Structure formats: C-alpha cells, structure tokens
C-alpha cells in the first residue's frame, strides 16, 4: 500500500521473488526428503510434488499471521501516540497526523501502520470519519482490537465520552492482552522446540538405517506391501506432526 490512498487486504499476501525462490527450494527439498525416506521412486516423486504447492501456501499463511501480529503491536503504539497528541491539545485530525510522524520515526515509512495512518490522514481531509477508517482497517486486517476500538469510538462520539480516558482504557486493555500473549509464547517456546525435535527423530531413525544398513529396508521400497506400510507410516507421521503443531498453537 502506498501513501496515495490505496488500501490493502491483509488476508492476502503477495510473495516477493526472493520468497518464491526460497519457499520453492524448501518445498522441493521437502518432496525429495519424503521420497528418499519413504519411497525412493521417481514415479512417486511426481505424485508428491503437489506437496510443494501446499507448502508454499502454508508459508504464505505464516507470513499473513506475522504481518497481523506486527499490525497489532504497531496499533498499540499508534494509540499511545494518538493519546499523547490529544493530551497535548491537538484535534483528532491533527493527532492522526502527529501519530503518523511518530510511527515513521519508530517503524519507518514502509511499515504497515505508518502507511495506514498516511491513508487515514488523506481520507480525513475528505471528511471521512476516523471511526469508519478504523473499522475498515479492522475488517481488512481482522485484528480484533482494532475493530473493538472503532466500535468504542463510535459509541464515544454518540455519548460525548472523554477521548483521553477512552484511549487510556483501550491501551491498558491491549497491553494486558499482548502481555498475556507474550507470556504464553514464552511458556510454549520450550514445548514447541520439543515438538520439533520429536518430529525430526522418526525421520532421523529412517535416515540412520538407510545410511548404516542400506539393504535392510529394501523390502519396504521394492514390494507392494512395503510401499503400503511406508504410506501408512507417512500418514501416521503427518497426523502426529500436525496434531502436535495444533496443541502448541494457542491464540489469545
């Protein structure tokens, strides 16, 4: 999104060419690893190539989640700057402009929230209410705190609430949620590392046996029954892997 006023859907992510190269290389390595450990067949390799497309989609989803997390953290800083501006006596429009300047100093001109506030600054000049702009941002980013704040802002304008107090309460609530999220991430960090290690061990065992005893597992690759057994093992491994990821993925 540029400062010209173009909006962006944060549920859609466009990979750069460097990311395409990186993720494609990772996906091909993944397919080669699966084929080497479970099948060792050029024909089967062609059938498991669609896994590469699935892997790239997963990496895109990961980038979307990381971007939304950045937006959440940046929005908290934006509310802090907005509160300071209003406390200094600025009007809401001028406070938005000062907030954009503060965000530029903290995150740079290309940061998501910096560009969003640049967009808001332009739209406010065309008499678009701030609450509508924030609601639109919340819908595009699907960040719950942004949507909640836009609703609070609407109710505050209707009832004539104190903007300074409202911002203080919203910032305190967001800081509490972010702190809880960080604490949970810290507690789960070791569990996630254990899950990754446990996921590598079965593959490591197969690789070890392939290297130390090359002919010991040939029956699993050269016979129909062996191929079925390895397919079942692969399915069981993938089920255990994704179940482990799900258990350690907690959203606050």
C-alpha atoms as a PDB file:
ATOM      1  CA  UNK A   1       0.000   0.000   0.000  1.00  0.00           C
ATOM      2  CA  UNK A   2       1.328   3.435  -0.925  1.00  0.00           C
ATOM      3  CA  UNK A   3       0.670   6.831   0.545  1.00  0.00           C
ATOM      4  CA  UNK A   4      -1.568   7.639  -2.421  1.00  0.00           C
ATOM      5  CA  UNK A   5      -4.537   6.110  -0.607  1.00  0.00           C
ATOM      6  CA  UNK A   6      -4.585   2.571  -1.924  1.00  0.00           C
ATOM      7  CA  UNK A   7      -5.979   0.029   0.539  1.00  0.00           C
ATOM      8  CA  UNK A   8      -4.649  -3.468   1.095  1.00  0.00           C
ATOM      9  CA  UNK A   9      -6.335  -6.686   2.163  1.00  0.00           C
ATOM     10  CA  UNK A  10      -4.175  -8.115   4.937  1.00  0.00           C
ATOM     11  CA  UNK A  11      -5.691 -11.570   4.450  1.00  0.00           C
ATOM     12  CA  UNK A  12      -3.913 -11.744   1.081  1.00  0.00           C
ATOM     13  CA  UNK A  13      -0.123 -11.873   0.823  1.00  0.00           C
ATOM     14  CA  UNK A  14       1.964 -11.408  -2.298  1.00  0.00           C
ATOM     15  CA  UNK A  15       5.292 -13.202  -2.121  1.00  0.00           C
ATOM     16  CA  UNK A  16       8.379 -11.398  -3.363  1.00  0.00           C
ATOM     17  CA  UNK A  17      10.543 -13.141  -5.948  1.00  0.00           C
ATOM     18  CA  UNK A  18      13.125 -13.896  -3.252  1.00  0.00           C
ATOM     19  CA  UNK A  19      10.460 -15.530  -1.122  1.00  0.00           C
ATOM     20  CA  UNK A  20       9.208 -17.516  -4.133  1.00  0.00           C
ATOM     21  CA  UNK A  21      12.719 -18.829  -4.752  1.00  0.00           C
ATOM     22  CA  UNK A  22      13.305 -19.616  -1.087  1.00  0.00           C
ATOM     23  CA  UNK A  23       9.978 -21.353  -0.475  1.00  0.00           C
ATOM     24  CA  UNK A  24      10.101 -23.249  -3.763  1.00  0.00           C
ATOM     25  CA  UNK A  25      13.584 -24.530  -2.922  1.00  0.00           C
ATOM     26  CA  UNK A  26      12.397 -25.555   0.559  1.00  0.00           C
ATOM     27  CA  UNK A  27       9.360 -27.295  -0.938  1.00  0.00           C
ATOM     28  CA  UNK A  28      11.461 -29.258  -3.447  1.00  0.00           C
ATOM     29  CA  UNK A  29      13.837 -30.326  -0.661  1.00  0.00           C
ATOM     30  CA  UNK A  30      10.828 -31.435   1.386  1.00  0.00           C
ATOM     31  CA  UNK A  31       9.471 -33.530  -1.506  1.00  0.00           C
ATOM     32  CA  UNK A  32      12.891 -35.059  -2.149  1.00  0.00           C
ATOM     33  CA  UNK A  33      13.268 -35.915   1.544  1.00  0.00           C
ATOM     34  CA  UNK A  34       9.838 -37.597   1.695  1.00  0.00           C
ATOM     35  CA  UNK A  35      10.547 -39.536  -1.475  1.00  0.00           C
ATOM     36  CA  UNK A  36      14.017 -40.635  -0.299  1.00  0.00           C
ATOM     37  CA  UNK A  37      12.914 -41.744   3.163  1.00  0.00           C
ATOM     38  CA  UNK A  38       9.572 -43.346   2.322  1.00  0.00           C
ATOM     39  CA  UNK A  39       9.528 -44.386  -1.351  1.00  0.00           C
ATOM     40  CA  UNK A  40      12.745 -43.890  -3.340  1.00  0.00           C
ATOM     41  CA  UNK A  41      10.806 -43.869  -6.589  1.00  0.00           C
ATOM     42  CA  UNK A  42      10.951 -41.242  -9.372  1.00  0.00           C
ATOM     43  CA  UNK A  43       7.326 -42.023 -10.223  1.00  0.00           C
ATOM     44  CA  UNK A  44       6.133 -41.453  -6.674  1.00  0.00           C
ATOM     45  CA  UNK A  45       8.141 -38.227  -6.562  1.00  0.00           C
ATOM     46  CA  UNK A  46       5.939 -36.828  -9.327  1.00  0.00           C
ATOM     47  CA  UNK A  47       2.834 -37.695  -7.311  1.00  0.00           C
ATOM     48  CA  UNK A  48       4.075 -35.959  -4.170  1.00  0.00           C
ATOM     49  CA  UNK A  49       5.091 -32.767  -5.989  1.00  0.00           C
ATOM     50  CA  UNK A  50       1.695 -31.155  -5.153  1.00  0.00           C
ATOM     51  CA  UNK A  51       3.001 -31.058  -1.587  1.00  0.00           C
ATOM     52  CA  UNK A  52       5.246 -28.240  -2.807  1.00  0.00           C
ATOM     53  CA  UNK A  53       2.217 -26.090  -3.657  1.00  0.00           C
ATOM     54  CA  UNK A  54       0.682 -26.872  -0.259  1.00  0.00           C
ATOM     55  CA  UNK A  55       3.956 -25.947   1.475  1.00  0.00           C
ATOM     56  CA  UNK A  56       4.158 -22.578  -0.297  1.00  0.00           C
ATOM     57  CA  UNK A  57       0.541 -21.826   0.704  1.00  0.00           C
ATOM     58  CA  UNK A  58       1.397 -22.631   4.317  1.00  0.00           C
ATOM     59  CA  UNK A  59       4.363 -20.282   4.203  1.00  0.00           C
ATOM     60  CA  UNK A  60       2.116 -17.547   2.816  1.00  0.00           C
ATOM     61  CA  UNK A  61      -0.327 -18.133   5.676  1.00  0.00           C
ATOM     62  CA  UNK A  62       2.579 -17.861   8.090  1.00  0.00           C
ATOM     63  CA  UNK A  63       3.559 -14.507   6.594  1.00  0.00           C
ATOM     64  CA  UNK A  64      -0.048 -13.295   6.897  1.00  0.00           C
ATOM     65  CA  UNK A  65      -0.111 -14.184  10.593  1.00  0.00           C
ATOM     66  CA  UNK A  66       3.240 -12.496  11.198  1.00  0.00           C
ATOM     67  CA  UNK A  67       2.030  -9.360   9.430  1.00  0.00           C
ATOM     68  CA  UNK A  68      -1.161  -9.273  11.510  1.00  0.00           C
ATOM     69  CA  UNK A  69       0.916  -9.596  14.673  1.00  0.00           C
ATOM     70  CA  UNK A  70       3.044  -6.654  13.539  1.00  0.00           C
ATOM     71  CA  UNK A  71      -0.102  -4.621  12.852  1.00  0.00           C
ATOM     72  CA  UNK A  72      -1.433  -5.427  16.325  1.00  0.00           C
ATOM     73  CA  UNK A  73       1.758  -4.273  18.046  1.00  0.00           C
ATOM     74  CA  UNK A  74       2.072  -1.201  15.828  1.00  0.00           C
ATOM     75  CA  UNK A  75      -1.552  -0.247  16.502  1.00  0.00           C
ATOM     76  CA  UNK A  76      -0.867  -0.198  20.240  1.00  0.00           C
ATOM     77  CA  UNK A  77       1.993   2.236  19.641  1.00  0.00           C
ATOM     78  CA  UNK A  78      -0.298   4.277  17.391  1.00  0.00           C
ATOM     79  CA  UNK A  79      -2.870   4.601  20.173  1.00  0.00           C
ATOM     80  CA  UNK A  80      -0.112   5.712  22.557  1.00  0.00           C
ATOM     81  CA  UNK A  81       0.954   8.414  20.088  1.00  0.00           C
ATOM     82  CA  UNK A  82      -2.694   9.375  19.487  1.00  0.00           C
ATOM     83  CA  UNK A  83      -3.266   9.743  23.220  1.00  0.00           C
ATOM     84  CA  UNK A  84      -0.198  11.969  23.564  1.00  0.00           C
ATOM     85  CA  UNK A  85      -1.394  14.164  20.709  1.00  0.00           C
ATOM     86  CA  UNK A  86      -4.880  14.578  22.161  1.00  0.00           C
ATOM     87  CA  UNK A  87      -3.434  15.261  25.623  1.00  0.00           C
ATOM     88  CA  UNK A  88      -1.287  17.988  24.054  1.00  0.00           C
ATOM     89  CA  UNK A  89      -4.444  19.696  22.789  1.00  0.00           C
ATOM     90  CA  UNK A  90      -4.428  18.586  19.149  1.00  0.00           C
ATOM     91  CA  UNK A  91      -7.675  17.993  17.343  1.00  0.00           C
ATOM     92  CA  UNK A  92      -8.350  14.400  16.263  1.00  0.00           C
ATOM     93  CA  UNK A  93      -7.262  15.116  12.678  1.00  0.00           C
ATOM     94  CA  UNK A  94      -4.023  16.782  13.775  1.00  0.00           C
ATOM     95  CA  UNK A  95      -3.395  13.989  16.301  1.00  0.00           C
ATOM     96  CA  UNK A  96      -3.607  11.474  13.453  1.00  0.00           C
ATOM     97  CA  UNK A  97      -1.005  13.453  11.515  1.00  0.00           C
ATOM     98  CA  UNK A  98       1.321  13.595  14.523  1.00  0.00           C
ATOM     99  CA  UNK A  99       0.783   9.877  15.114  1.00  0.00           C
ATOM    100  CA  UNK A 100       1.812   9.131  11.546  1.00  0.00           C
ATOM    101  CA  UNK A 101       5.023  11.109  12.084  1.00  0.00           C
ATOM    102  CA  UNK A 102       5.761   9.210  15.301  1.00  0.00           C
ATOM    103  CA  UNK A 103       5.150   5.880  13.559  1.00  0.00           C
ATOM    104  CA  UNK A 104       7.546   6.899  10.784  1.00  0.00           C
ATOM    105  CA  UNK A 105      10.244   7.564  13.370  1.00  0.00           C
ATOM    106  CA  UNK A 106       9.624   4.266  15.189  1.00  0.00           C
ATOM    107  CA  UNK A 107       8.923   1.810  12.338  1.00  0.00           C
ATOM    108  CA  UNK A 108       9.830   3.631   9.134  1.00  0.00           C
ATOM    109  CA  UNK A 109       7.736   4.875   6.209  1.00  0.00           C
ATOM    110  CA  UNK A 110       7.039   1.399   4.798  1.00  0.00           C
ATOM    111  CA  UNK A 111       5.622  -0.118   7.999  1.00  0.00           C
ATOM    112  CA  UNK A 112       2.013  -1.269   7.757  1.00  0.00           C
ATOM    113  CA  UNK A 113       0.578   1.062  10.391  1.00  0.00           C
ATOM    114  CA  UNK A 114       2.591   4.038   9.139  1.00  0.00           C
ATOM    115  CA  UNK A 115       1.054   3.664   5.698  1.00  0.00           C
ATOM    116  CA  UNK A 116      -2.394   3.085   7.180  1.00  0.00           C
ATOM    117  CA  UNK A 117      -2.196   6.348   9.115  1.00  0.00           C
ATOM    118  CA  UNK A 118      -0.950   8.090   5.988  1.00  0.00           C
ATOM    119  CA  UNK A 119      -4.060   6.770   4.256  1.00  0.00           C
ATOM    120  CA  UNK A 120      -6.243   7.944   7.178  1.00  0.00           C
ATOM    121  CA  UNK A 121      -4.652  11.378   7.043  1.00  0.00           C
ATOM    122  CA  UNK A 122      -5.629  11.703   3.373  1.00  0.00           C
ATOM    123  CA  UNK A 123      -9.170  10.417   3.950  1.00  0.00           C
ATOM    124  CA  UNK A 124      -9.771  12.710   6.933  1.00  0.00           C
ATOM    125  CA  UNK A 125      -9.143  15.660   4.613  1.00  0.00           C
ATOM    126  CA  UNK A 126     -12.101  14.374   2.581  1.00  0.00           C
ATOM    127  CA  UNK A 127     -14.310  14.361   5.705  1.00  0.00           C
ATOM    128  CA  UNK A 128     -14.289  10.570   6.163  1.00  0.00           C
ATOM    129  CA  UNK A 129     -14.885   9.866   9.898  1.00  0.00           C
ATOM    130  CA  UNK A 130     -11.968   8.270  11.747  1.00  0.00           C
ATOM    131  CA  UNK A 131     -14.175   5.538  13.188  1.00  0.00           C
ATOM    132  CA  UNK A 132     -15.128   4.431   9.660  1.00  0.00           C
ATOM    133  CA  UNK A 133     -11.466   4.329   8.645  1.00  0.00           C
ATOM    134  CA  UNK A 134     -10.547   2.297  11.730  1.00  0.00           C
ATOM    135  CA  UNK A 135     -13.448  -0.083  11.156  1.00  0.00           C
ATOM    136  CA  UNK A 136     -12.328  -0.543   7.558  1.00  0.00           C
ATOM    137  CA  UNK A 137      -8.787  -1.271   8.778  1.00  0.00           C
ATOM    138  CA  UNK A 138     -10.138  -3.735  11.322  1.00  0.00           C
ATOM    139  CA  UNK A 139     -12.137  -5.569   8.648  1.00  0.00           C
ATOM    140  CA  UNK A 140      -9.144  -5.724   6.301  1.00  0.00           C
ATOM    141  CA  UNK A 141      -6.711  -6.866   8.981  1.00  0.00           C
ATOM    142  CA  UNK A 142      -9.134  -8.916  11.107  1.00  0.00           C
ATOM    143  CA  UNK A 143      -7.358  -7.647  14.221  1.00  0.00           C
ATOM    144  CA  UNK A 144      -9.941  -7.792  16.994  1.00  0.00           C
ATOM    145  CA  UNK A 145      -8.576  -4.865  18.999  1.00  0.00           C
ATOM    146  CA  UNK A 146      -8.836  -2.513  16.017  1.00  0.00           C
ATOM    147  CA  UNK A 147     -12.467  -3.493  15.426  1.00  0.00           C
ATOM    148  CA  UNK A 148     -13.254  -3.092  19.125  1.00  0.00           C
ATOM    149  CA  UNK A 149     -11.637   0.337  19.234  1.00  0.00           C
ATOM    150  CA  UNK A 150     -13.627   1.516  16.206  1.00  0.00           C
ATOM    151  CA  UNK A 151     -16.851   0.422  17.946  1.00  0.00           C
ATOM    152  CA  UNK A 152     -15.812   2.193  21.152  1.00  0.00           C
ATOM    153  CA  UNK A 153     -15.013   5.348  19.176  1.00  0.00           C
ATOM    154  CA  UNK A 154     -18.474   5.310  17.584  1.00  0.00           C
ATOM    155  CA  UNK A 155     -20.199   4.959  20.965  1.00  0.00           C
ATOM    156  CA  UNK A 156     -17.954   7.613  22.487  1.00  0.00           C
ATOM    157  CA  UNK A 157     -18.877  10.172  19.823  1.00  0.00           C
ATOM    158  CA  UNK A 158     -22.570   9.404  20.278  1.00  0.00           C
ATOM    159  CA  UNK A 159     -22.414   9.762  24.075  1.00  0.00           C
ATOM    160  CA  UNK A 160     -19.787  12.503  24.227  1.00  0.00           C
ATOM    161  CA  UNK A 161     -17.166  10.492  26.100  1.00  0.00           C
ATOM    162  CA  UNK A 162     -13.732  11.688  27.153  1.00  0.00           C
ATOM    163  CA  UNK A 163     -11.385  10.669  24.349  1.00  0.00           C
ATOM    164  CA  UNK A 164      -8.301  10.750  26.575  1.00  0.00           C
ATOM    165  CA  UNK A 165      -9.821   8.337  29.099  1.00  0.00           C
ATOM    166  CA  UNK A 166     -11.105   6.068  26.337  1.00  0.00           C
ATOM    167  CA  UNK A 167      -7.649   5.830  24.787  1.00  0.00           C
ATOM    168  CA  UNK A 168      -6.074   5.095  28.161  1.00  0.00           C
ATOM    169  CA  UNK A 169      -8.508   2.240  28.806  1.00  0.00           C
ATOM    170  CA  UNK A 170      -8.041   0.807  25.295  1.00  0.00           C
ATOM    171  CA  UNK A 171      -4.247   0.972  25.587  1.00  0.00           C
ATOM    172  CA  UNK A 172      -4.328  -0.709  29.012  1.00  0.00           C
ATOM    173  CA  UNK A 173      -6.559  -3.478  27.657  1.00  0.00           C
ATOM    174  CA  UNK A 174      -4.337  -4.047  24.615  1.00  0.00           C
ATOM    175  CA  UNK A 175      -1.175  -4.053  26.710  1.00  0.00           C
ATOM    176  CA  UNK A 176      -2.713  -6.669  29.008  1.00  0.00           C
ATOM    177  CA  UNK A 177      -3.674  -8.881  26.062  1.00  0.00           C
ATOM    178  CA  UNK A 178      -0.259  -8.521  24.447  1.00  0.00           C
ATOM    179  CA  UNK A 179       1.487  -9.270  27.752  1.00  0.00           C
ATOM    180  CA  UNK A 180      -0.598 -12.422  28.220  1.00  0.00           C
ATOM    181  CA  UNK A 181       0.213 -13.447  24.657  1.00  0.00           C
ATOM    182  CA  UNK A 182       3.943 -12.940  25.246  1.00  0.00           C
ATOM    183  CA  UNK A 183       3.799 -14.950  28.487  1.00  0.00           C
ATOM    184  CA  UNK A 184       2.014 -17.808  26.733  1.00  0.00           C
ATOM    185  CA  UNK A 185       4.535 -17.701  23.882  1.00  0.00           C
ATOM    186  CA  UNK A 186       7.357 -17.872  26.415  1.00  0.00           C
ATOM    187  CA  UNK A 187       5.802 -20.848  28.199  1.00  0.00           C
ATOM    188  CA  UNK A 188       5.154 -22.646  24.917  1.00  0.00           C
ATOM    189  CA  UNK A 189       8.586 -21.947  23.416  1.00  0.00           C
ATOM    190  CA  UNK A 190      10.172 -24.999  25.052  1.00  0.00           C
ATOM    191  CA  UNK A 191       7.185 -27.183  24.141  1.00  0.00           C
ATOM    192  CA  UNK A 192       7.386 -26.074  20.527  1.00  0.00           C
ATOM    193  CA  UNK A 193      11.090 -26.890  20.465  1.00  0.00           C
ATOM    194  CA  UNK A 194      10.372 -30.322  21.950  1.00  0.00           C
ATOM    195  CA  UNK A 195       7.684 -30.874  19.318  1.00  0.00           C
ATOM    196  CA  UNK A 196      10.115 -30.008  16.519  1.00  0.00           C
ATOM    197  CA  UNK A 197      12.773 -32.330  17.928  1.00  0.00           C
ATOM    198  CA  UNK A 198      10.281 -35.179  18.362  1.00  0.00           C
ATOM    199  CA  UNK A 199       9.149 -34.618  14.769  1.00  0.00           C
ATOM    200  CA  UNK A 200      12.692 -34.973  13.459  1.00  0.00           C
ATOM    201  CA  UNK A 201      13.537 -38.150  15.425  1.00  0.00           C
ATOM    202  CA  UNK A 202      11.446 -40.623  13.318  1.00  0.00           C
ATOM    203  CA  UNK A 203      12.922 -39.240  10.104  1.00  0.00           C
ATOM    204  CA  UNK A 204      16.381 -39.373  11.639  1.00  0.00           C
ATOM    205  CA  UNK A 205      15.921 -43.047  12.542  1.00  0.00           C
ATOM    206  CA  UNK A 206      14.959 -43.946   8.972  1.00  0.00           C
ATOM    207  CA  UNK A 207      17.870 -41.927   7.587  1.00  0.00           C
ATOM    208  CA  UNK A 208      20.275 -43.571  10.031  1.00  0.00           C
ATOM    209  CA  UNK A 209      19.133 -47.037   8.993  1.00  0.00           C
ATOM    210  CA  UNK A 210      19.380 -46.136   5.304  1.00  0.00           C
ATOM    211  CA  UNK A 211      22.966 -44.984   5.780  1.00  0.00           C
ATOM    212  CA  UNK A 212      24.236 -47.687   8.159  1.00  0.00           C
ATOM    213  CA  UNK A 213      22.287 -50.646   6.723  1.00  0.00           C
ATOM    214  CA  UNK A 214      21.445 -49.824   3.085  1.00  0.00           C
ATOM    215  CA  UNK A 215      19.841 -53.173   2.248  1.00  0.00           C
ATOM    216  CA  UNK A 216      17.922 -53.691   5.489  1.00  0.00           C
ATOM    217  CA  UNK A 217      14.891 -51.629   4.450  1.00  0.00           C
ATOM    218  CA  UNK A 218      14.835 -52.615   0.763  1.00  0.00           C
ATOM    219  CA  UNK A 219      11.795 -54.806   1.307  1.00  0.00           C
ATOM    220  CA  UNK A 220       9.821 -51.684   2.229  1.00  0.00           C
ATOM    221  CA  UNK A 221      10.671 -49.984  -1.058  1.00  0.00           C
ATOM    222  CA  UNK A 222      10.618 -52.874  -3.540  1.00  0.00           C
ATOM    223  CA  UNK A 223       7.332 -54.622  -2.687  1.00  0.00           C
ATOM    224  CA  UNK A 224       3.695 -53.554  -2.816  1.00  0.00           C
ATOM    225  CA  UNK A 225       3.168 -54.463   0.819  1.00  0.00           C
ATOM    226  CA  UNK A 226       6.239 -52.468   1.800  1.00  0.00           C
ATOM    227  CA  UNK A 227       5.053 -49.402  -0.103  1.00  0.00           C
ATOM    228  CA  UNK A 228       1.670 -49.642   1.631  1.00  0.00           C
ATOM    229  CA  UNK A 229       3.361 -49.887   5.025  1.00  0.00           C
ATOM    230  CA  UNK A 230       5.539 -46.840   4.309  1.00  0.00           C
ATOM    231  CA  UNK A 231       2.495 -44.907   3.086  1.00  0.00           C
ATOM    232  CA  UNK A 232       0.683 -45.752   6.316  1.00  0.00           C
ATOM    233  CA  UNK A 233       3.749 -44.682   8.340  1.00  0.00           C
ATOM    234  CA  UNK A 234       3.930 -41.399   6.432  1.00  0.00           C
ATOM    235  CA  UNK A 235       0.226 -40.709   7.032  1.00  0.00           C
ATOM    236  CA  UNK A 236       0.610 -41.518  10.734  1.00  0.00           C
ATOM    237  CA  UNK A 237       3.679 -39.304  10.981  1.00  0.00           C
ATOM    238  CA  UNK A 238       1.916 -36.361   9.306  1.00  0.00           C
ATOM    239  CA  UNK A 239      -1.110 -36.782  11.582  1.00  0.00           C
ATOM    240  CA  UNK A 240       1.119 -36.744  14.685  1.00  0.00           C
ATOM    241  CA  UNK A 241       3.078 -33.754  13.367  1.00  0.00           C
ATOM    242  CA  UNK A 242       0.039 -31.574  12.672  1.00  0.00           C
ATOM    243  CA  UNK A 243      -1.620 -32.618  15.910  1.00  0.00           C
ATOM    244  CA  UNK A 244       1.491 -31.529  17.795  1.00  0.00           C
ATOM    245  CA  UNK A 245       1.523 -28.191  15.972  1.00  0.00           C
ATOM    246  CA  UNK A 246      -2.125 -27.646  16.826  1.00  0.00           C
ATOM    247  CA  UNK A 247      -1.579 -28.401  20.516  1.00  0.00           C
ATOM    248  CA  UNK A 248       1.178 -25.783  20.754  1.00  0.00           C
ATOM    249  CA  UNK A 249      -0.662 -23.134  18.733  1.00  0.00           C
ATOM    250  CA  UNK A 250      -2.698 -21.089  21.195  1.00  0.00           C
ATOM    251  CA  UNK A 251      -4.345 -17.813  20.227  1.00  0.00           C
ATOM    252  CA  UNK A 252      -5.240 -15.177  22.805  1.00  0.00           C
END
